[in-house]
Amino acid sequence: MARTTPTQRLADYERRYRELAHQLAGIGLISSGSITRRYTHCATLGCKCHADPPQPHGPYYQWTTKVAGKTVTRRLSAAEAKLYKEWIDNDRKMRELIAQMRTVASKAGEIRLAEAPKA
């Protein structure tokens, strides 16, 4: 098996970096936070939520995130929750792609630094 040269490895890293950047460009809207689905019980005696078996009210969806260091919670419709879930998934994909780009850039940078003229 032939060994690759630093120039070949650098070209591979640069190609991989461009692939990751292309994937990053295809990510849609992003959002931080999390979505929770909740069911509740009311205080009305005789309500179905107190039956045997209980049938709680809901589902109710909530989006929670941090804004300027404070926790913010917003109630969402099912359609809004679906959109936020997609945006949160996109945010996770973006973070993973950026982590991979940093790793590839670091390896490519090592090769470039090794090839750079010494002053």
Protein backbone atom coordinates (compact mmCIF):
# COMPACT_ATOMS: atom_id res chain seq x y z
CA MET A 1 0.00 0.00 0.00
CA ALA A 2 1.47 3.33 -1.04
CA ARG A 3 1.90 6.03 1.57
CA THR A 4 0.31 9.36 0.87
CA THR A 5 2.42 12.47 0.73
CA PRO A 6 1.68 15.54 2.83
CA THR A 7 0.48 17.28 -0.35
CA GLN A 8 -1.98 14.45 -1.05
CA ARG A 9 -3.23 14.46 2.56
CA LEU A 10 -3.63 18.24 2.43
CA ALA A 11 -5.67 17.94 -0.78
CA ASP A 12 -7.85 15.26 0.89
CA TYR A 13 -8.40 17.45 3.95
CA GLU A 14 -9.28 20.46 1.79
CA ARG A 15 -11.72 18.36 -0.26
CA ARG A 16 -13.34 17.03 2.93
CA TYR A 17 -13.54 20.57 4.35
CA ARG A 18 -15.35 21.77 1.20
CA GLU A 19 -17.77 18.81 1.43
CA LEU A 20 -18.58 19.70 5.03
CA ALA A 21 -19.00 23.38 4.14
CA HIS A 22 -21.39 22.38 1.34
CA GLN A 23 -23.45 20.31 3.81
CA LEU A 24 -23.46 23.24 6.22
CA ALA A 25 -24.80 25.55 3.51
CA GLY A 26 -27.76 23.18 3.02
CA ILE A 27 -28.96 23.34 6.61
CA GLY A 28 -32.19 25.26 7.01
CA LEU A 29 -33.29 27.43 9.89
CA ILE A 30 -31.77 26.70 13.29
CA SER A 31 -32.89 27.17 16.86
CA SER A 32 -31.48 26.29 20.23
CA GLY A 33 -33.59 24.86 23.01
CA SER A 34 -35.78 21.84 23.53
CA ILE A 35 -39.36 20.76 22.96
CA THR A 36 -41.39 19.03 25.65
CA ARG A 37 -44.79 17.40 25.37
CA ARG A 38 -46.92 17.65 28.48
CA TYR A 39 -50.22 16.26 29.71
CA THR A 40 -52.08 17.84 32.61
CA HIS A 41 -54.79 17.14 35.17
CA CYS A 42 -57.32 19.81 36.04
CA ALA A 43 -59.07 20.57 39.33
CA THR A 44 -62.57 19.70 38.06
CA LEU A 45 -63.89 16.65 39.89
CA GLY A 46 -65.57 14.20 37.57
CA CYS A 47 -63.38 15.24 34.63
CA LYS A 48 -62.01 12.47 32.42
CA CYS A 49 -58.51 13.32 33.66
CA HIS A 50 -59.54 11.89 37.08
CA ALA A 51 -61.25 8.78 35.68
CA ASP A 52 -59.99 5.23 36.06
CA PRO A 53 -57.89 5.00 33.95
CA PRO A 54 -57.11 8.72 33.82
CA GLN A 55 -57.22 10.52 30.48
CA PRO A 56 -55.12 13.64 31.03
CA HIS A 57 -55.55 16.82 28.98
CA GLY A 58 -53.10 17.39 26.16
CA PRO A 59 -50.72 17.01 24.64
CA TYR A 60 -49.40 20.54 25.16
CA TYR A 61 -46.08 21.47 23.61
CA GLN A 62 -43.50 23.82 25.08
CA TRP A 63 -40.26 25.23 23.69
CA THR A 64 -37.63 26.15 26.26
CA THR A 65 -34.36 27.99 25.62
CA LYS A 66 -31.94 30.43 27.22
CA VAL A 67 -32.06 34.09 26.18
CA ALA A 68 -29.48 36.43 27.71
CA GLY A 69 -28.85 33.89 30.49
CA LYS A 70 -32.54 33.51 31.38
CA THR A 71 -34.77 30.54 30.69
CA VAL A 72 -37.64 31.34 28.33
CA THR A 73 -40.57 28.98 27.79
CA ARG A 74 -43.20 29.34 25.12
CA ARG A 75 -46.33 27.27 24.54
CA LEU A 76 -46.61 25.93 20.98
CA SER A 77 -49.22 24.38 18.74
CA ALA A 78 -48.48 20.90 17.38
CA ALA A 79 -47.50 22.45 14.01
CA GLU A 80 -45.16 24.94 15.69
CA ALA A 81 -43.62 22.15 17.78
CA LYS A 82 -42.92 20.18 14.61
CA LEU A 83 -41.13 23.18 13.08
CA TYR A 84 -39.10 23.88 16.22
CA LYS A 85 -38.08 20.22 16.39
CA GLU A 86 -36.77 20.46 12.82
CA TRP A 87 -34.89 23.69 13.64
CA ILE A 88 -33.38 22.21 16.80
CA ASP A 89 -32.30 19.12 14.83
CA ASN A 90 -30.73 21.44 12.24
CA ASP A 91 -28.86 23.24 15.03
CA ARG A 92 -27.44 19.93 16.26
CA LYS A 93 -26.38 18.98 12.71
CA MET A 94 -24.74 22.38 12.29
CA ARG A 95 -22.76 21.98 15.52
CA GLU A 96 -21.61 18.49 14.49
CA LEU A 97 -20.53 19.69 11.04
CA ILE A 98 -18.61 22.60 12.54
CA ALA A 99 -16.85 20.23 14.96
CA GLN A 100 -15.83 18.04 12.01
CA MET A 101 -14.67 21.12 10.07
CA ARG A 102 -12.50 22.19 13.02
CA THR A 103 -10.89 18.75 13.16
CA VAL A 104 -10.17 18.71 9.42
CA ALA A 105 -8.93 22.31 9.48
CA SER A 106 -6.59 21.49 12.35
CA LYS A 107 -5.05 18.56 10.44
CA ALA A 108 -4.73 20.63 7.25
CA GLY A 109 -3.22 23.48 9.26
CA GLU A 110 -0.57 21.17 10.72
CA ILE A 111 0.52 20.19 7.21
CA ARG A 112 0.56 23.79 6.00
CA LEU A 113 2.58 24.89 9.03
CA ALA A 114 5.09 22.08 8.48
CA GLU A 115 5.51 23.16 4.86
CA ALA A 116 5.73 26.89 5.64
CA PRO A 117 9.15 28.51 5.33
CA LYS A 118 10.84 28.95 8.67
CA ALA A 119 11.81 32.53 9.45
